[in-house]
């Protein structure tokens, strides 16, 4: 199984990093890393998301939107993602 980390998005004090992983059946799982703080006060939360996707881009778009939603940021138009 291969994993892919997309371009991270800095929004305020948070760094959102969407990730996708190809599953054995050819579909893609999505997850997102939400990081804040610096140095020894850095916090990194990784959310593994439930739906699976037919394409890597769809998984990364979903992970990005979920990360932004989790921190309460405005949604990014789908055309500007990936």
N, C-alpha and C. Protein backbone atom coordinates (compact mmCIF):
# COMPACT_ATOMS: atom_id res chain seq x y z
N UNK A 1 0.85 -1.18 0.00
CA UNK A 1 0.00 0.00 0.00
C UNK A 1 0.88 1.24 0.00
N UNK A 2 0.56 2.18 -0.85
CA UNK A 2 1.33 3.41 -0.92
C UNK A 2 0.55 4.54 -0.28
N UNK A 3 1.27 5.46 0.35
CA UNK A 3 0.67 6.63 0.96
C UNK A 3 1.15 7.87 0.24
N UNK A 4 0.34 8.92 0.28
CA UNK A 4 0.68 10.17 -0.37
C UNK A 4 0.25 11.32 0.51
N UNK A 5 1.14 12.28 0.73
CA UNK A 5 0.84 13.49 1.49
C UNK A 5 0.72 14.62 0.49
N UNK A 6 -0.39 15.31 0.50
CA UNK A 6 -0.61 16.43 -0.41
C UNK A 6 0.02 17.70 0.16
N UNK A 7 -0.07 18.77 -0.58
CA UNK A 7 0.43 20.06 -0.13
C UNK A 7 -0.32 20.50 1.12
N UNK A 8 0.43 20.93 2.11
CA UNK A 8 -0.18 21.39 3.36
C UNK A 8 -0.71 22.81 3.20
N UNK A 9 -1.69 23.13 4.04
CA UNK A 9 -2.31 24.46 4.03
C UNK A 9 -2.12 25.07 5.42
N UNK A 10 -1.52 26.24 5.47
CA UNK A 10 -1.37 26.98 6.73
C UNK A 10 -2.57 27.90 6.85
N UNK A 11 -3.31 27.79 7.95
CA UNK A 11 -4.43 28.68 8.20
C UNK A 11 -4.41 29.07 9.67
N UNK A 12 -4.10 30.32 9.92
CA UNK A 12 -3.95 30.78 11.30
C UNK A 12 -2.82 30.04 11.98
N UNK A 13 -3.09 29.51 13.16
CA UNK A 13 -2.06 28.77 13.90
C UNK A 13 -1.99 27.30 13.53
N UNK A 14 -2.78 26.87 12.55
CA UNK A 14 -2.87 25.45 12.19
C UNK A 14 -2.19 25.14 10.86
N UNK A 15 -1.63 23.95 10.76
CA UNK A 15 -1.11 23.42 9.51
C UNK A 15 -1.92 22.16 9.20
N UNK A 16 -2.66 22.21 8.08
CA UNK A 16 -3.53 21.11 7.66
C UNK A 16 -2.79 20.34 6.57
N UNK A 17 -2.58 19.03 6.78
CA UNK A 17 -1.88 18.18 5.81
C UNK A 17 -2.77 16.99 5.46
N UNK A 18 -3.42 17.03 4.28
CA UNK A 18 -4.25 15.90 3.86
C UNK A 18 -3.37 14.74 3.38
N UNK A 19 -3.82 13.52 3.67
CA UNK A 19 -3.09 12.32 3.28
C UNK A 19 -4.05 11.33 2.63
N UNK A 20 -3.53 10.53 1.71
CA UNK A 20 -4.32 9.45 1.15
C UNK A 20 -3.47 8.18 1.14
N UNK A 21 -4.16 7.06 1.16
CA UNK A 21 -3.46 5.77 1.16
C UNK A 21 -4.24 4.83 0.25
N UNK A 22 -3.52 4.19 -0.67
CA UNK A 22 -4.17 3.23 -1.57
C UNK A 22 -4.40 1.93 -0.81
N UNK A 23 -5.61 1.42 -0.90
CA UNK A 23 -5.98 0.18 -0.22
C UNK A 23 -5.80 -1.01 -1.15
N UNK A 24 -5.86 -2.20 -0.58
CA UNK A 24 -5.65 -3.44 -1.35
C UNK A 24 -6.62 -3.59 -2.52
N UNK A 25 -7.84 -3.06 -2.37
CA UNK A 25 -8.83 -3.21 -3.44
C UNK A 25 -8.75 -2.11 -4.50
N UNK A 26 -7.76 -1.21 -4.38
CA UNK A 26 -7.58 -0.15 -5.35
C UNK A 26 -8.26 1.16 -4.99
N UNK A 27 -9.08 1.15 -3.95
CA UNK A 27 -9.71 2.40 -3.51
C UNK A 27 -8.73 3.17 -2.63
N UNK A 28 -9.13 4.38 -2.21
CA UNK A 28 -8.24 5.24 -1.43
C UNK A 28 -8.89 5.62 -0.11
N UNK A 29 -8.11 5.54 0.95
CA UNK A 29 -8.53 5.99 2.27
C UNK A 29 -7.99 7.40 2.47
N UNK A 30 -8.68 8.20 3.26
CA UNK A 30 -8.28 9.58 3.52
C UNK A 30 -8.00 9.77 5.00
N UNK A 31 -7.03 10.61 5.29
CA UNK A 31 -6.77 11.05 6.66
C UNK A 31 -6.20 12.45 6.59
N UNK A 32 -6.15 13.12 7.73
CA UNK A 32 -5.64 14.49 7.75
C UNK A 32 -4.89 14.73 9.05
N UNK A 33 -3.76 15.41 8.93
CA UNK A 33 -2.97 15.83 10.08
C UNK A 33 -3.28 17.29 10.35
N UNK A 34 -3.58 17.60 11.62
CA UNK A 34 -3.86 18.98 12.03
C UNK A 34 -2.84 19.33 13.11
N UNK A 35 -1.91 20.21 12.78
CA UNK A 35 -0.80 20.53 13.67
C UNK A 35 -0.92 21.97 14.14
N UNK A 36 -0.58 22.20 15.40
CA UNK A 36 -0.51 23.56 15.94
C UNK A 36 0.62 23.64 16.95
N UNK A 37 1.05 24.86 17.23
CA UNK A 37 2.11 25.07 18.21
C UNK A 37 3.49 24.96 17.59
N UNK A 38 4.50 25.18 18.44
CA UNK A 38 5.89 25.09 17.99
C UNK A 38 6.74 24.44 19.07
N UNK A 39 7.86 23.92 18.65
CA UNK A 39 8.81 23.33 19.60
C UNK A 39 8.19 22.22 20.42
N UNK A 40 8.48 22.23 21.73
CA UNK A 40 7.96 21.17 22.61
C UNK A 40 6.46 21.32 22.88
N UNK A 41 5.88 22.44 22.44
CA UNK A 41 4.44 22.65 22.61
C UNK A 41 3.64 22.31 21.36
N UNK A 42 4.25 21.59 20.42
CA UNK A 42 3.57 21.21 19.18
C UNK A 42 2.57 20.09 19.46
N UNK A 43 1.39 20.25 18.88
CA UNK A 43 0.35 19.22 18.97
C UNK A 43 0.01 18.79 17.54
N UNK A 44 -0.08 17.51 17.31
CA UNK A 44 -0.43 16.99 15.99
C UNK A 44 -1.51 15.94 16.17
N UNK A 45 -2.68 16.23 15.61
CA UNK A 45 -3.80 15.31 15.68
C UNK A 45 -4.00 14.73 14.28
N UNK A 46 -4.09 13.43 14.17
CA UNK A 46 -4.31 12.79 12.89
C UNK A 46 -5.68 12.11 12.93
N UNK A 47 -6.52 12.50 11.98
CA UNK A 47 -7.86 11.93 11.88
C UNK A 47 -7.90 10.95 10.72
N UNK A 48 -8.27 9.71 11.00
CA UNK A 48 -8.49 8.72 9.94
C UNK A 48 -9.97 8.80 9.60
N UNK A 49 -10.27 9.04 8.34
CA UNK A 49 -11.64 9.30 7.91
C UNK A 49 -12.27 8.03 7.34
N UNK A 50 -13.56 7.87 7.56
CA UNK A 50 -14.25 6.62 7.27
C UNK A 50 -14.51 6.34 5.79
N UNK A 51 -15.04 7.27 5.01
CA UNK A 51 -15.36 6.89 3.63
C UNK A 51 -14.11 6.52 2.84
N UNK A 52 -14.29 5.68 1.83
CA UNK A 52 -13.20 5.37 0.90
C UNK A 52 -13.59 5.98 -0.45
N UNK A 53 -12.59 6.20 -1.29
CA UNK A 53 -12.80 6.95 -2.53
C UNK A 53 -12.22 6.19 -3.72
N UNK A 54 -12.76 6.48 -4.90
CA UNK A 54 -12.30 5.85 -6.13
C UNK A 54 -11.01 6.48 -6.63
N UNK A 55 -10.74 7.73 -6.25
CA UNK A 55 -9.54 8.41 -6.73
C UNK A 55 -8.76 9.04 -5.57
N UNK A 56 -7.48 9.19 -5.80
CA UNK A 56 -6.61 9.82 -4.81
C UNK A 56 -7.01 11.29 -4.62
N UNK A 57 -7.33 11.98 -5.69
CA UNK A 57 -7.70 13.39 -5.59
C UNK A 57 -8.97 13.57 -4.76
N UNK A 58 -9.94 12.70 -4.93
CA UNK A 58 -11.18 12.80 -4.15
C UNK A 58 -10.88 12.60 -2.66
N UNK A 59 -10.03 11.65 -2.34
CA UNK A 59 -9.66 11.40 -0.94
C UNK A 59 -8.94 12.62 -0.35
N UNK A 60 -8.04 13.22 -1.11
CA UNK A 60 -7.30 14.39 -0.62
C UNK A 60 -8.20 15.61 -0.46
N UNK A 61 -9.14 15.81 -1.39
CA UNK A 61 -10.09 16.92 -1.26
C UNK A 61 -10.93 16.76 0.00
N UNK A 62 -11.42 15.53 0.22
CA UNK A 62 -12.24 15.27 1.40
C UNK A 62 -11.44 15.50 2.68
N UNK A 63 -10.21 15.01 2.72
CA UNK A 63 -9.36 15.19 3.91
C UNK A 63 -9.10 16.66 4.18
N UNK A 64 -8.86 17.43 3.13
CA UNK A 64 -8.62 18.86 3.31
C UNK A 64 -9.85 19.54 3.88
N UNK A 65 -11.01 19.27 3.32
CA UNK A 65 -12.25 19.89 3.80
C UNK A 65 -12.54 19.49 5.25
N UNK A 66 -12.31 18.22 5.59
CA UNK A 66 -12.55 17.78 6.96
C UNK A 66 -11.58 18.45 7.95
N UNK A 67 -10.33 18.60 7.55
CA UNK A 67 -9.36 19.29 8.40
C UNK A 67 -9.75 20.74 8.64
N UNK A 68 -10.15 21.42 7.58
CA UNK A 68 -10.58 22.81 7.72
C UNK A 68 -11.84 22.91 8.56
N UNK A 69 -12.75 21.99 8.37
CA UNK A 69 -13.97 21.97 9.17
C UNK A 69 -13.66 21.73 10.64
N UNK A 70 -12.71 20.86 10.92
CA UNK A 70 -12.36 20.52 12.30
C UNK A 70 -11.85 21.74 13.05
N UNK A 71 -11.10 22.61 12.37
CA UNK A 71 -10.58 23.81 13.05
C UNK A 71 -11.54 24.99 12.95
N UNK A 72 -12.66 24.80 12.25
CA UNK A 72 -13.66 25.86 12.14
C UNK A 72 -13.33 26.88 11.06
N UNK A 73 -12.47 26.53 10.12
CA UNK A 73 -12.12 27.45 9.03
C UNK A 73 -13.17 27.39 7.94
N UNK A 74 -13.20 28.44 7.14
CA UNK A 74 -14.12 28.46 6.00
C UNK A 74 -13.75 27.39 5.01
N UNK A 75 -14.72 26.87 4.32
CA UNK A 75 -14.48 25.86 3.29
C UNK A 75 -13.73 26.47 2.12
N UNK A 76 -12.88 25.68 1.51
CA UNK A 76 -12.15 26.10 0.33
C UNK A 76 -12.90 25.57 -0.88
N UNK A 77 -13.11 26.40 -1.93
CA UNK A 77 -13.81 25.90 -3.12
C UNK A 77 -13.08 24.69 -3.70
N UNK A 78 -13.81 23.63 -4.09
CA UNK A 78 -13.19 22.41 -4.61
C UNK A 78 -12.24 22.67 -5.77
N UNK A 79 -12.50 23.68 -6.58
CA UNK A 79 -11.64 23.95 -7.73
C UNK A 79 -10.24 24.40 -7.32
N UNK A 80 -10.08 24.90 -6.09
CA UNK A 80 -8.77 25.38 -5.66
C UNK A 80 -7.96 24.30 -4.93
N UNK A 81 -8.54 23.12 -4.77
CA UNK A 81 -7.86 22.03 -4.08
C UNK A 81 -7.22 21.07 -5.09
N UNK A 82 -6.03 20.61 -4.78
CA UNK A 82 -5.27 19.60 -5.54
C UNK A 82 -5.07 19.95 -6.97
